[in-house]
């Protein structure tokens, strides 16, 4: 069954109301509506009654009694991904220190660890901004009729999986310290990261389309 946020989103779209228009009718801000639809928060009983009045529904029809496993999984992905991003930053910092100590060429650190870290920060900050603002227009193939909760879950999956690959590549970069072909290792790991990132995006988009 649909989660509550998706239910509100579909009812609003079916009644041709914008988030601002629904917010005005029930006396809340547009940001509050956005937060409900994305699953970050849920409306209280009084708000559910007001929403029900707008759409002519009973409060029991507004609330899904089943445990929202998808919402829990999405939040867990975000927490794990946040930890992994911190690990990536720490690993990159360690590689930079080793470069200054001449244990590895700085160019190699620039090509692999620094590149990977900046890519993951862009992904993390960009996805988080889209989810917080409930604006997914930057995503290729996104449609306004798509569920914000489903889109959020897909972005969290891409972010988490790419962070896992990034941590592995950053860890494997340590092997370059003991090899003569440090540049080759750096380019190889960066290439592996890019290839896996593309694969993750393609697979996630395929699953996203199948759910639609």
Foldseek 3Di string as FASTA:
>chain_A
DDALLLLLLLLCVVVVHQLQRLCVQQVHHSLVNLCSQLVVDHDDPVSLVSSCVVSVHDSVVNHDPDDPPLSVVLVVLLVLLVVLLVVLVVLLVVVVVCCVVVLAPPVLSVLASVVLSVVLVCLSVVLVVCSSVVNPVVDPPDDSNDRSNLVSSLSSQLSSVLSVLSSVLSVVLVVLSVDPPSNVSSNVSSVVSVVVSVVSNVVSVVVSVVVD
